[in-house]
Amino acid sequence: MRKNWFALWTPLLPVLFTLACLTLIIFGLHLAAPLINQVLLAVLLSVMLDPLITGMEKKRIPRILSSLSVIVVLLMIIVFITVKLTALTPELIQLSRQAPLLLASRVEQLILTFSYIDITLTPSEILAFIDAGTVVRRVTALLTQIPGVLSWWLMVFLMLLFMLYELPLLKIKLQHRSQGKYQALYIALQESIQSVIVYVRVKTLSSILGGAIVGTGAHLLGLEFAFFWGVLMFVLNYVPVLGSLLAAIPPVIQSYILFDVQTALVVAGFFTVLNLTLSSVIEPLLIGKQLDMTMTTQLLAFLFWQALLGITGAILAIPLTYLIKKVLLAGYLDRQGI
């Protein structure tokens, strides 16, 4: 009987051992997320900026000088955005503290609106969804971290400077070491990097466009913190599937507080149209099907990387998932001799 029990579990031991190792690796990555996030961003930026630096190098501009110039420009943009957001932080914290109370004061109008569509709610039921303490704590904690963003980015740019300078040497070494046995993996890595570059460029373009439209629209509508809503749209648009919809929540709530339900619905409709235009028209038109990832895969990738690395993981979910999938698939096909 005991021999049969061991015989039953023997085939499962490699699987259990592999799962245990993966659990330890994922737990370690989660603990090291603050450092890993900086390294991943530096690597992605170095890959994205390498063609620009190489083009400047061909025009006889030293690579270290061109790298330093590009990094200084990026740093100036980060400093400008950080200073603007830091100036808005006290007012944003005050708004986060007042928002639950202001929403509660307009609960009667909300009940009346729901009654038109045969939904009966009481004030206590609606207020049960508004946890003022949690909202204030989370928003305040997020906003107070804005001044520290600058020092975080300084470390990213420092790593980026060395990566850009040494990237040509790294590519030569990788190409030399991948001859023969690892040739398929190297080709798959090159192809996936090119696809990711196209994806990130298009995503950046759509994020800039979406952020500019949201910021301008919020300003014309008379909403406060229009610049912040534009930056929020720019950042969250990188998040797959749900990003631009999450960016719509604060402006919709603010428009409801300042104006009325009709204005809030118009703002919500505006964000819906903008999201559909960016994600269903512009991005597919420019990217095509290079990444070949279904919506379900994108959503699962977002949930996994966000849980593992936080907001940086959510932003990099698609590139990371595609790179890993491409390399693993190439390794599997190489082992099968296909």
C-alpha atoms as a PDB file:
ATOM      1  CA  MET A   1       0.000   0.000   0.000  1.00  0.00           C
ATOM      2  CA  ARG A   2       2.805   2.361   0.946  1.00  0.00           C
ATOM      3  CA  LYS A   3       4.673   1.523  -2.279  1.00  0.00           C
ATOM      4  CA  ASN A   4       1.566   2.343  -4.326  1.00  0.00           C
ATOM      5  CA  TRP A   5       1.229   5.678  -2.511  1.00  0.00           C
ATOM      6  CA  PHE A   6       4.841   6.591  -3.313  1.00  0.00           C
ATOM      7  CA  ALA A   7       4.399   5.469  -6.903  1.00  0.00           C
ATOM      8  CA  LEU A   8       1.404   7.774  -7.224  1.00  0.00           C
ATOM      9  CA  TRP A   9       3.280  10.838  -5.946  1.00  0.00           C
ATOM     10  CA  THR A  10       6.579  10.233  -7.755  1.00  0.00           C
ATOM     11  CA  PRO A  11       5.490  11.777 -11.119  1.00  0.00           C
ATOM     12  CA  LEU A  12       4.166  14.837  -9.258  1.00  0.00           C
ATOM     13  CA  LEU A  13       7.392  15.566  -7.386  1.00  0.00           C
ATOM     14  CA  PRO A  14       9.095  17.462 -10.269  1.00  0.00           C
ATOM     15  CA  VAL A  15       5.958  19.562 -10.737  1.00  0.00           C
ATOM     16  CA  LEU A  16       5.723  20.359  -7.023  1.00  0.00           C
ATOM     17  CA  PHE A  17       9.426  21.175  -6.896  1.00  0.00           C
ATOM     18  CA  THR A  18       9.089  23.513  -9.895  1.00  0.00           C
ATOM     19  CA  LEU A  19       6.081  25.263  -8.329  1.00  0.00           C
ATOM     20  CA  ALA A  20       7.973  25.679  -5.052  1.00  0.00           C
ATOM     21  CA  CYS A  21      10.938  27.229  -6.879  1.00  0.00           C
ATOM     22  CA  LEU A  22       8.650  29.579  -8.837  1.00  0.00           C
ATOM     23  CA  THR A  23       6.964  30.648  -5.608  1.00  0.00           C
ATOM     24  CA  LEU A  24      10.313  31.497  -4.018  1.00  0.00           C
ATOM     25  CA  ILE A  25      11.445  33.395  -7.128  1.00  0.00           C
ATOM     26  CA  ILE A  26       8.205  35.393  -7.353  1.00  0.00           C
ATOM     27  CA  PHE A  27       8.341  36.188  -3.633  1.00  0.00           C
ATOM     28  CA  GLY A  28      11.940  37.355  -3.991  1.00  0.00           C
ATOM     29  CA  LEU A  29      11.055  39.536  -6.976  1.00  0.00           C
ATOM     30  CA  HIS A  30       8.209  41.084  -5.014  1.00  0.00           C
ATOM     31  CA  LEU A  31      10.528  41.925  -2.105  1.00  0.00           C
ATOM     32  CA  ALA A  32      13.095  43.445  -4.489  1.00  0.00           C
ATOM     33  CA  ALA A  33      10.443  45.330  -6.516  1.00  0.00           C
ATOM     34  CA  PRO A  34      11.734  48.877  -5.695  1.00  0.00           C
ATOM     35  CA  LEU A  35      15.153  48.110  -7.211  1.00  0.00           C
ATOM     36  CA  ILE A  36      13.838  45.890 -10.014  1.00  0.00           C
ATOM     37  CA  ASN A  37      11.436  48.636 -11.147  1.00  0.00           C
ATOM     38  CA  GLN A  38      14.308  51.080 -11.608  1.00  0.00           C
ATOM     39  CA  VAL A  39      16.422  48.540 -13.486  1.00  0.00           C
ATOM     40  CA  LEU A  40      13.533  47.531 -15.775  1.00  0.00           C
ATOM     41  CA  LEU A  41      12.734  51.157 -16.629  1.00  0.00           C
ATOM     42  CA  ALA A  42      16.404  51.896 -17.309  1.00  0.00           C
ATOM     43  CA  VAL A  43      16.658  48.831 -19.583  1.00  0.00           C
ATOM     44  CA  LEU A  44      13.485  49.732 -21.482  1.00  0.00           C
ATOM     45  CA  LEU A  45      14.576  53.356 -21.950  1.00  0.00           C
ATOM     46  CA  SER A  46      18.042  52.288 -23.112  1.00  0.00           C
ATOM     47  CA  VAL A  47      16.528  49.987 -25.745  1.00  0.00           C
ATOM     48  CA  MET A  48      14.120  52.709 -26.845  1.00  0.00           C
ATOM     49  CA  LEU A  49      16.743  55.459 -27.030  1.00  0.00           C
ATOM     50  CA  ASP A  50      19.544  53.394 -28.580  1.00  0.00           C
ATOM     51  CA  PRO A  51      18.509  54.109 -32.225  1.00  0.00           C
ATOM     52  CA  LEU A  52      18.474  57.855 -31.465  1.00  0.00           C
ATOM     53  CA  ILE A  53      21.877  57.744 -29.763  1.00  0.00           C
ATOM     54  CA  THR A  54      23.298  55.609 -32.589  1.00  0.00           C
ATOM     55  CA  GLY A  55      22.016  58.136 -35.159  1.00  0.00           C
ATOM     56  CA  MET A  56      23.663  60.998 -33.255  1.00  0.00           C
ATOM     57  CA  GLU A  57      26.864  58.951 -33.030  1.00  0.00           C
ATOM     58  CA  LYS A  58      26.899  58.561 -36.837  1.00  0.00           C
ATOM     59  CA  LYS A  59      26.855  62.366 -37.035  1.00  0.00           C
ATOM     60  CA  ARG A  60      30.154  62.332 -35.105  1.00  0.00           C
ATOM     61  CA  ILE A  61      28.645  63.266 -31.766  1.00  0.00           C
ATOM     62  CA  PRO A  62      30.389  61.243 -29.034  1.00  0.00           C
ATOM     63  CA  ARG A  63      28.108  58.576 -27.613  1.00  0.00           C
ATOM     64  CA  ILE A  64      28.626  59.646 -24.020  1.00  0.00           C
ATOM     65  CA  LEU A  65      27.810  63.261 -24.914  1.00  0.00           C
ATOM     66  CA  SER A  66      24.672  62.366 -26.891  1.00  0.00           C
ATOM     67  CA  SER A  67      23.511  60.036 -24.110  1.00  0.00           C
ATOM     68  CA  LEU A  68      24.067  62.731 -21.506  1.00  0.00           C
ATOM     69  CA  SER A  69      22.202  65.324 -23.605  1.00  0.00           C
ATOM     70  CA  VAL A  70      19.133  63.107 -24.062  1.00  0.00           C
ATOM     71  CA  ILE A  71      19.087  62.213 -20.362  1.00  0.00           C
ATOM     72  CA  VAL A  72      19.315  65.903 -19.374  1.00  0.00           C
ATOM     73  CA  VAL A  73      16.299  66.691 -21.586  1.00  0.00           C
ATOM     74  CA  LEU A  74      14.310  63.836 -20.056  1.00  0.00           C
ATOM     75  CA  LEU A  75      15.355  64.914 -16.560  1.00  0.00           C
ATOM     76  CA  MET A  76      14.212  68.478 -17.222  1.00  0.00           C
ATOM     77  CA  ILE A  77      10.793  67.177 -18.288  1.00  0.00           C
ATOM     78  CA  ILE A  78      10.544  65.057 -15.129  1.00  0.00           C
ATOM     79  CA  VAL A  79      11.597  68.032 -12.969  1.00  0.00           C
ATOM     80  CA  PHE A  80       9.004  70.290 -14.604  1.00  0.00           C
ATOM     81  CA  ILE A  81       6.189  67.785 -14.100  1.00  0.00           C
ATOM     82  CA  THR A  82       7.294  67.046 -10.526  1.00  0.00           C
ATOM     83  CA  VAL A  83       7.420  70.741  -9.599  1.00  0.00           C
ATOM     84  CA  LYS A  84       3.969  71.333 -11.095  1.00  0.00           C
ATOM     85  CA  LEU A  85       2.473  68.358  -9.286  1.00  0.00           C
ATOM     86  CA  THR A  86       4.203  69.273  -6.003  1.00  0.00           C
ATOM     87  CA  ALA A  87       2.620  72.722  -6.177  1.00  0.00           C
ATOM     88  CA  LEU A  88      -0.799  71.097  -6.637  1.00  0.00           C
ATOM     89  CA  THR A  89      -0.317  68.538  -3.853  1.00  0.00           C
ATOM     90  CA  PRO A  90      -1.824  70.562  -0.936  1.00  0.00           C
ATOM     91  CA  GLU A  91      -4.944  71.392  -2.967  1.00  0.00           C
ATOM     92  CA  LEU A  92      -5.274  67.812  -4.172  1.00  0.00           C
ATOM     93  CA  ILE A  93      -5.025  66.504  -0.607  1.00  0.00           C
ATOM     94  CA  GLN A  94      -7.676  68.986   0.474  1.00  0.00           C
ATOM     95  CA  LEU A  95      -9.935  67.882  -2.385  1.00  0.00           C
ATOM     96  CA  SER A  96      -9.451  64.208  -1.444  1.00  0.00           C
ATOM     97  CA  ARG A  97     -10.552  65.010   2.101  1.00  0.00           C
ATOM     98  CA  GLN A  98     -13.571  67.003   0.990  1.00  0.00           C
ATOM     99  CA  ALA A  99     -14.700  64.716  -1.845  1.00  0.00           C
ATOM    100  CA  PRO A 100     -16.463  62.028   0.272  1.00  0.00           C
ATOM    101  CA  LEU A 101     -18.332  64.701   2.250  1.00  0.00           C
ATOM    102  CA  LEU A 102     -19.288  66.609  -0.909  1.00  0.00           C
ATOM    103  CA  LEU A 103     -20.523  63.401  -2.527  1.00  0.00           C
ATOM    104  CA  ALA A 104     -22.551  62.585   0.556  1.00  0.00           C
ATOM    105  CA  SER A 105     -24.178  66.042   0.445  1.00  0.00           C
ATOM    106  CA  ARG A 106     -25.386  65.375  -3.114  1.00  0.00           C
ATOM    107  CA  VAL A 107     -26.728  61.942  -2.433  1.00  0.00           C
ATOM    108  CA  GLU A 108     -30.356  63.031  -2.849  1.00  0.00           C
ATOM    109  CA  GLN A 109     -29.739  64.067  -6.430  1.00  0.00           C
ATOM    110  CA  LEU A 110     -28.103  60.721  -7.106  1.00  0.00           C
ATOM    111  CA  ILE A 111     -31.076  58.851  -5.625  1.00  0.00           C
ATOM    112  CA  LEU A 112     -33.426  60.849  -7.833  1.00  0.00           C
ATOM    113  CA  THR A 113     -31.354  60.020 -10.921  1.00  0.00           C
ATOM    114  CA  PHE A 114     -31.407  56.295 -10.140  1.00  0.00           C
ATOM    115  CA  SER A 115     -35.156  56.417  -9.601  1.00  0.00           C
ATOM    116  CA  TYR A 116     -35.625  57.361 -13.255  1.00  0.00           C
ATOM    117  CA  ILE A 117     -34.254  53.943 -14.246  1.00  0.00           C
ATOM    118  CA  ASP A 118     -36.264  52.046 -11.594  1.00  0.00           C
ATOM    119  CA  ILE A 119     -33.367  51.617  -9.146  1.00  0.00           C
ATOM    120  CA  THR A 120     -34.393  52.331  -5.570  1.00  0.00           C
ATOM    121  CA  LEU A 121     -31.641  53.248  -3.135  1.00  0.00           C
ATOM    122  CA  THR A 122     -31.579  54.848   0.293  1.00  0.00           C
ATOM    123  CA  PRO A 123     -28.989  57.425   1.459  1.00  0.00           C
ATOM    124  CA  SER A 124     -27.485  54.936   3.898  1.00  0.00           C
ATOM    125  CA  GLU A 125     -26.980  52.360   1.117  1.00  0.00           C
ATOM    126  CA  ILE A 126     -25.147  54.845  -1.081  1.00  0.00           C
ATOM    127  CA  LEU A 127     -23.007  56.192   1.763  1.00  0.00           C
ATOM    128  CA  ALA A 128     -22.012  52.631   2.593  1.00  0.00           C
ATOM    129  CA  PHE A 129     -19.974  52.638  -0.636  1.00  0.00           C
ATOM    130  CA  ILE A 130     -18.062  55.769   0.428  1.00  0.00           C
ATOM    131  CA  ASP A 131     -15.314  54.963   2.909  1.00  0.00           C
ATOM    132  CA  ALA A 132     -14.030  58.480   3.478  1.00  0.00           C
ATOM    133  CA  GLY A 133     -11.181  57.415   5.739  1.00  0.00           C
ATOM    134  CA  THR A 134      -9.758  54.913   3.250  1.00  0.00           C
ATOM    135  CA  VAL A 135     -10.052  57.341   0.341  1.00  0.00           C
ATOM    136  CA  VAL A 136      -8.277  60.109   2.224  1.00  0.00           C
ATOM    137  CA  ARG A 137      -5.473  57.866   3.488  1.00  0.00           C
ATOM    138  CA  ARG A 138      -4.704  56.329   0.118  1.00  0.00           C
ATOM    139  CA  VAL A 139      -4.861  59.547  -1.872  1.00  0.00           C
ATOM    140  CA  THR A 140      -2.820  61.455   0.705  1.00  0.00           C
ATOM    141  CA  ALA A 141      -0.170  58.715   0.817  1.00  0.00           C
ATOM    142  CA  LEU A 142       0.070  58.746  -2.976  1.00  0.00           C
ATOM    143  CA  LEU A 143       0.325  62.523  -3.282  1.00  0.00           C
ATOM    144  CA  THR A 144       2.916  62.930  -0.552  1.00  0.00           C
ATOM    145  CA  GLN A 145       5.229  60.633  -2.539  1.00  0.00           C
ATOM    146  CA  ILE A 146       5.356  63.032  -5.515  1.00  0.00           C
ATOM    147  CA  PRO A 147       8.373  65.066  -4.263  1.00  0.00           C
ATOM    148  CA  GLY A 148      10.355  61.827  -3.827  1.00  0.00           C
ATOM    149  CA  VAL A 149       9.799  60.880  -7.471  1.00  0.00           C
ATOM    150  CA  LEU A 150      12.694  63.101  -8.543  1.00  0.00           C
ATOM    151  CA  SER A 151      15.324  61.216  -6.528  1.00  0.00           C
ATOM    152  CA  TRP A 152      13.856  57.924  -7.788  1.00  0.00           C
ATOM    153  CA  TRP A 153      14.228  59.034 -11.405  1.00  0.00           C
ATOM    154  CA  LEU A 154      17.767  60.308 -10.798  1.00  0.00           C
ATOM    155  CA  MET A 155      18.849  56.753 -10.006  1.00  0.00           C
ATOM    156  CA  VAL A 156      17.034  55.475 -13.130  1.00  0.00           C
ATOM    157  CA  PHE A 157      18.804  58.030 -15.330  1.00  0.00           C
ATOM    158  CA  LEU A 158      22.179  57.234 -13.762  1.00  0.00           C
ATOM    159  CA  MET A 159      21.764  53.563 -14.689  1.00  0.00           C
ATOM    160  CA  LEU A 160      20.438  54.621 -18.105  1.00  0.00           C
ATOM    161  CA  LEU A 161      23.603  56.649 -18.818  1.00  0.00           C
ATOM    162  CA  PHE A 162      25.863  53.645 -18.277  1.00  0.00           C
ATOM    163  CA  MET A 163      23.525  51.314 -20.172  1.00  0.00           C
ATOM    164  CA  LEU A 164      23.377  53.585 -23.231  1.00  0.00           C
ATOM    165  CA  TYR A 165      27.145  53.970 -23.268  1.00  0.00           C
ATOM    166  CA  GLU A 166      27.841  50.229 -22.985  1.00  0.00           C
ATOM    167  CA  LEU A 167      24.937  48.912 -25.078  1.00  0.00           C
ATOM    168  CA  PRO A 168      26.904  48.504 -28.345  1.00  0.00           C
ATOM    169  CA  LEU A 169      29.534  46.405 -26.540  1.00  0.00           C
ATOM    170  CA  LEU A 170      26.778  44.338 -24.897  1.00  0.00           C
ATOM    171  CA  LYS A 171      25.131  43.636 -28.258  1.00  0.00           C
ATOM    172  CA  ILE A 172      28.443  42.491 -29.748  1.00  0.00           C
ATOM    173  CA  LYS A 173      29.077  40.135 -26.823  1.00  0.00           C
ATOM    174  CA  LEU A 174      25.548  38.718 -26.977  1.00  0.00           C
ATOM    175  CA  GLN A 175      25.817  38.130 -30.708  1.00  0.00           C
ATOM    176  CA  HIS A 176      29.189  36.427 -30.295  1.00  0.00           C
ATOM    177  CA  ARG A 177      28.084  34.173 -27.421  1.00  0.00           C
ATOM    178  CA  SER A 178      24.799  33.207 -29.107  1.00  0.00           C
ATOM    179  CA  GLN A 179      26.443  31.645 -32.148  1.00  0.00           C
ATOM    180  CA  GLY A 180      25.387  28.049 -32.719  1.00  0.00           C
ATOM    181  CA  LYS A 181      23.434  26.610 -29.802  1.00  0.00           C
ATOM    182  CA  TYR A 182      21.692  29.809 -28.695  1.00  0.00           C
ATOM    183  CA  GLN A 183      21.204  31.373 -32.130  1.00  0.00           C
ATOM    184  CA  ALA A 184      17.426  30.815 -32.112  1.00  0.00           C
ATOM    185  CA  LEU A 185      17.068  32.472 -28.719  1.00  0.00           C
ATOM    186  CA  TYR A 186      19.111  35.477 -29.833  1.00  0.00           C
ATOM    187  CA  ILE A 187      17.025  35.927 -33.006  1.00  0.00           C
ATOM    188  CA  ALA A 188      13.792  35.619 -30.998  1.00  0.00           C
ATOM    189  CA  LEU A 189      15.067  38.197 -28.509  1.00  0.00           C
ATOM    190  CA  GLN A 190      15.977  40.607 -31.324  1.00  0.00           C
ATOM    191  CA  GLU A 191      12.578  40.233 -33.000  1.00  0.00           C
ATOM    192  CA  SER A 192      10.682  40.639 -29.741  1.00  0.00           C
ATOM    193  CA  ILE A 193      12.684  43.747 -28.819  1.00  0.00           C
ATOM    194  CA  GLN A 194      11.847  45.332 -32.188  1.00  0.00           C
ATOM    195  CA  SER A 195       8.143  44.584 -31.664  1.00  0.00           C
ATOM    196  CA  VAL A 196       8.272  46.001 -28.140  1.00  0.00           C
ATOM    197  CA  ILE A 197       9.975  49.164 -29.433  1.00  0.00           C
ATOM    198  CA  VAL A 198       7.147  49.695 -31.928  1.00  0.00           C
ATOM    199  CA  TYR A 199       4.556  49.026 -29.215  1.00  0.00           C
ATOM    200  CA  VAL A 200       6.119  51.434 -26.708  1.00  0.00           C
ATOM    201  CA  ARG A 201       6.548  54.178 -29.302  1.00  0.00           C
ATOM    202  CA  VAL A 202       2.922  53.956 -30.393  1.00  0.00           C
ATOM    203  CA  LYS A 203       1.749  53.725 -26.775  1.00  0.00           C
ATOM    204  CA  THR A 204       3.807  56.801 -25.893  1.00  0.00           C
ATOM    205  CA  LEU A 205       2.355  58.706 -28.838  1.00  0.00           C
ATOM    206  CA  SER A 206      -1.221  57.762 -27.878  1.00  0.00           C
ATOM    207  CA  SER A 207      -0.512  58.594 -24.218  1.00  0.00           C
ATOM    208  CA  ILE A 208       0.788  62.070 -25.129  1.00  0.00           C
ATOM    209  CA  LEU A 209      -2.230  62.614 -27.372  1.00  0.00           C
ATOM    210  CA  GLY A 210      -4.663  61.356 -24.734  1.00  0.00           C
ATOM    211  CA  GLY A 211      -3.025  63.392 -21.962  1.00  0.00           C
ATOM    212  CA  ALA A 212      -3.103  66.577 -24.046  1.00  0.00           C
ATOM    213  CA  ILE A 213      -6.773  66.062 -24.973  1.00  0.00           C
ATOM    214  CA  VAL A 214      -7.796  65.324 -21.369  1.00  0.00           C
ATOM    215  CA  GLY A 215      -5.829  68.252 -19.948  1.00  0.00           C
ATOM    216  CA  THR A 216      -7.216  70.673 -22.540  1.00  0.00           C
ATOM    217  CA  GLY A 217     -10.767  69.380 -22.175  1.00  0.00           C
ATOM    218  CA  ALA A 218     -10.652  69.604 -18.378  1.00  0.00           C
ATOM    219  CA  HIS A 219      -9.343  73.167 -18.598  1.00  0.00           C
ATOM    220  CA  LEU A 220     -12.054  74.221 -21.060  1.00  0.00           C
ATOM    221  CA  LEU A 221     -14.714  72.578 -18.886  1.00  0.00           C
ATOM    222  CA  GLY A 222     -13.528  74.524 -15.861  1.00  0.00           C
ATOM    223  CA  LEU A 223     -12.307  71.557 -13.824  1.00  0.00           C
ATOM    224  CA  GLU A 224      -9.566  72.167 -11.304  1.00  0.00           C
ATOM    225  CA  PHE A 225      -6.211  70.353 -11.622  1.00  0.00           C
ATOM    226  CA  ALA A 226      -6.500  69.969 -15.420  1.00  0.00           C
ATOM    227  CA  PHE A 227      -2.726  69.477 -15.657  1.00  0.00           C
ATOM    228  CA  PHE A 228      -2.861  66.651 -13.114  1.00  0.00           C
ATOM    229  CA  TRP A 229      -5.697  64.890 -14.958  1.00  0.00           C
ATOM    230  CA  GLY A 230      -3.675  65.109 -18.184  1.00  0.00           C
ATOM    231  CA  VAL A 231      -0.574  63.617 -16.526  1.00  0.00           C
ATOM    232  CA  LEU A 232      -2.741  60.908 -14.957  1.00  0.00           C
ATOM    233  CA  MET A 233      -4.149  60.027 -18.371  1.00  0.00           C
ATOM    234  CA  PHE A 234      -0.641  59.927 -19.868  1.00  0.00           C
ATOM    235  CA  VAL A 235       0.661  57.525 -17.198  1.00  0.00           C
ATOM    236  CA  LEU A 236      -2.367  55.243 -16.894  1.00  0.00           C
ATOM    237  CA  ASN A 237      -2.787  54.893 -20.653  1.00  0.00           C
ATOM    238  CA  TYR A 238       0.256  52.593 -20.548  1.00  0.00           C
ATOM    239  CA  VAL A 239      -1.718  50.247 -18.289  1.00  0.00           C
ATOM    240  CA  PRO A 240      -3.405  47.672 -20.552  1.00  0.00           C
ATOM    241  CA  VAL A 241      -7.190  47.307 -20.839  1.00  0.00           C
ATOM    242  CA  LEU A 242      -8.202  49.357 -17.769  1.00  0.00           C
ATOM    243  CA  GLY A 243      -5.707  52.240 -17.712  1.00  0.00           C
ATOM    244  CA  SER A 244      -7.554  55.028 -19.496  1.00  0.00           C
ATOM    245  CA  LEU A 245     -10.825  54.031 -17.810  1.00  0.00           C
ATOM    246  CA  LEU A 246      -9.172  54.329 -14.379  1.00  0.00           C
ATOM    247  CA  ALA A 247      -7.881  57.772 -15.372  1.00  0.00           C
ATOM    248  CA  ALA A 248     -11.489  58.847 -16.024  1.00  0.00           C
ATOM    249  CA  ILE A 249     -12.739  58.222 -12.475  1.00  0.00           C
ATOM    250  CA  PRO A 250     -11.320  61.332 -10.691  1.00  0.00           C
ATOM    251  CA  PRO A 251     -12.418  63.873 -13.363  1.00  0.00           C
ATOM    252  CA  VAL A 252     -15.900  62.318 -13.521  1.00  0.00           C
ATOM    253  CA  ILE A 253     -16.266  62.547  -9.731  1.00  0.00           C
ATOM    254  CA  GLN A 254     -14.975  66.121  -9.726  1.00  0.00           C
ATOM    255  CA  SER A 255     -17.362  67.170 -12.510  1.00  0.00           C
ATOM    256  CA  TYR A 256     -20.240  65.658 -10.545  1.00  0.00           C
ATOM    257  CA  ILE A 257     -19.210  67.542  -7.408  1.00  0.00           C
ATOM    258  CA  LEU A 258     -18.710  70.890  -9.180  1.00  0.00           C
ATOM    259  CA  PHE A 259     -21.603  70.667 -11.640  1.00  0.00           C
ATOM    260  CA  ASP A 260     -24.311  67.999 -11.936  1.00  0.00           C
ATOM    261  CA  VAL A 261     -25.025  64.437 -13.011  1.00  0.00           C
ATOM    262  CA  GLN A 262     -25.519  65.397 -16.657  1.00  0.00           C
ATOM    263  CA  THR A 263     -22.066  66.994 -16.858  1.00  0.00           C
ATOM    264  CA  ALA A 264     -20.504  63.979 -15.158  1.00  0.00           C
ATOM    265  CA  LEU A 265     -22.166  61.672 -17.687  1.00  0.00           C
ATOM    266  CA  VAL A 266     -20.872  63.834 -20.549  1.00  0.00           C
ATOM    267  CA  VAL A 267     -17.342  63.625 -19.114  1.00  0.00           C
ATOM    268  CA  ALA A 268     -17.692  59.854 -18.702  1.00  0.00           C
ATOM    269  CA  GLY A 269     -18.897  59.543 -22.294  1.00  0.00           C
ATOM    270  CA  PHE A 270     -15.993  61.690 -23.479  1.00  0.00           C
ATOM    271  CA  PHE A 271     -13.493  59.389 -21.770  1.00  0.00           C
ATOM    272  CA  THR A 272     -15.223  56.320 -23.201  1.00  0.00           C
ATOM    273  CA  VAL A 273     -15.028  57.683 -26.742  1.00  0.00           C
ATOM    274  CA  LEU A 274     -11.398  58.717 -26.225  1.00  0.00           C
ATOM    275  CA  ASN A 275     -10.487  55.282 -24.863  1.00  0.00           C
ATOM    276  CA  LEU A 276     -12.174  53.503 -27.770  1.00  0.00           C
ATOM    277  CA  THR A 277     -10.494  55.822 -30.278  1.00  0.00           C
ATOM    278  CA  LEU A 278      -7.020  55.311 -28.831  1.00  0.00           C
ATOM    279  CA  SER A 279      -7.215  51.587 -28.047  1.00  0.00           C
ATOM    280  CA  SER A 280      -9.461  50.386 -30.893  1.00  0.00           C
ATOM    281  CA  VAL A 281      -8.534  52.693 -33.794  1.00  0.00           C
ATOM    282  CA  ILE A 282      -5.212  54.526 -33.476  1.00  0.00           C
ATOM    283  CA  GLU A 283      -3.105  51.899 -31.675  1.00  0.00           C
ATOM    284  CA  PRO A 284      -4.217  48.867 -33.771  1.00  0.00           C
ATOM    285  CA  LEU A 285      -3.740  50.945 -36.923  1.00  0.00           C
ATOM    286  CA  LEU A 286      -0.127  51.816 -36.019  1.00  0.00           C
ATOM    287  CA  ILE A 287       0.895  48.634 -34.197  1.00  0.00           C
ATOM    288  CA  GLY A 288      -1.010  46.064 -36.234  1.00  0.00           C
ATOM    289  CA  LYS A 289      -0.786  42.548 -34.776  1.00  0.00           C
ATOM    290  CA  GLN A 290       2.901  42.551 -33.939  1.00  0.00           C
ATOM    291  CA  LEU A 291       2.402  41.490 -30.325  1.00  0.00           C
ATOM    292  CA  ASP A 292      -0.507  39.128 -31.071  1.00  0.00           C
ATOM    293  CA  MET A 293      -1.895  39.163 -27.499  1.00  0.00           C
ATOM    294  CA  THR A 294      -5.582  38.706 -26.761  1.00  0.00           C
ATOM    295  CA  MET A 295      -7.462  41.025 -24.415  1.00  0.00           C
ATOM    296  CA  THR A 296      -7.699  38.274 -21.802  1.00  0.00           C
ATOM    297  CA  THR A 297      -3.941  37.733 -21.915  1.00  0.00           C
ATOM    298  CA  GLN A 298      -3.333  41.454 -21.527  1.00  0.00           C
ATOM    299  CA  LEU A 299      -5.667  41.628 -18.535  1.00  0.00           C
ATOM    300  CA  LEU A 300      -4.047  38.624 -16.832  1.00  0.00           C
ATOM    301  CA  ALA A 301      -0.590  40.071 -17.520  1.00  0.00           C
ATOM    302  CA  PHE A 302      -1.658  43.366 -15.974  1.00  0.00           C
ATOM    303  CA  LEU A 303      -3.008  41.656 -12.848  1.00  0.00           C
ATOM    304  CA  PHE A 304       0.115  39.513 -12.406  1.00  0.00           C
ATOM    305  CA  TRP A 305       2.770  42.195 -12.952  1.00  0.00           C
ATOM    306  CA  GLN A 306       0.838  44.798 -10.969  1.00  0.00           C
ATOM    307  CA  ALA A 307       0.673  42.439  -7.997  1.00  0.00           C
ATOM    308  CA  LEU A 308       4.364  41.606  -8.375  1.00  0.00           C
ATOM    309  CA  LEU A 309       5.945  45.026  -9.095  1.00  0.00           C
ATOM    310  CA  GLY A 310       3.210  47.603  -8.424  1.00  0.00           C
ATOM    311  CA  ILE A 311       2.380  50.448 -10.807  1.00  0.00           C
ATOM    312  CA  THR A 312       5.644  49.988 -12.740  1.00  0.00           C
ATOM    313  CA  GLY A 313       4.735  46.353 -13.335  1.00  0.00           C
ATOM    314  CA  ALA A 314       1.290  47.408 -14.555  1.00  0.00           C
ATOM    315  CA  ILE A 315       2.854  49.836 -17.046  1.00  0.00           C
ATOM    316  CA  LEU A 316       5.425  47.297 -18.296  1.00  0.00           C
ATOM    317  CA  ALA A 317       3.056  44.303 -18.221  1.00  0.00           C
ATOM    318  CA  ILE A 318       2.659  43.919 -21.986  1.00  0.00           C
ATOM    319  CA  PRO A 319       6.363  44.316 -22.972  1.00  0.00           C
ATOM    320  CA  LEU A 320       7.537  41.970 -20.198  1.00  0.00           C
ATOM    321  CA  THR A 321       4.938  39.307 -20.988  1.00  0.00           C
ATOM    322  CA  TYR A 322       5.638  39.424 -24.713  1.00  0.00           C
ATOM    323  CA  LEU A 323       9.420  39.202 -24.270  1.00  0.00           C
ATOM    324  CA  ILE A 324       9.147  36.230 -21.913  1.00  0.00           C
ATOM    325  CA  LYS A 325       6.615  34.470 -24.168  1.00  0.00           C
ATOM    326  CA  LYS A 326       8.732  34.966 -27.283  1.00  0.00           C
ATOM    327  CA  VAL A 327      11.977  33.725 -25.695  1.00  0.00           C
ATOM    328  CA  LEU A 328      10.332  30.709 -24.006  1.00  0.00           C
ATOM    329  CA  LEU A 329       8.560  29.748 -27.235  1.00  0.00           C
ATOM    330  CA  ALA A 330      11.822  29.985 -29.188  1.00  0.00           C
ATOM    331  CA  GLY A 331      13.580  27.827 -26.592  1.00  0.00           C
ATOM    332  CA  TYR A 332      10.826  25.218 -26.732  1.00  0.00           C
ATOM    333  CA  LEU A 333      10.840  25.089 -30.540  1.00  0.00           C
ATOM    334  CA  ASP A 334      14.634  24.828 -30.539  1.00  0.00           C
ATOM    335  CA  ARG A 335      14.535  21.866 -28.142  1.00  0.00           C
ATOM    336  CA  GLN A 336      11.909  20.168 -30.288  1.00  0.00           C
ATOM    337  CA  GLY A 337      14.071  20.714 -33.361  1.00  0.00           C
ATOM    338  CA  ILE A 338      11.379  22.700 -35.160  1.00  0.00           C
END
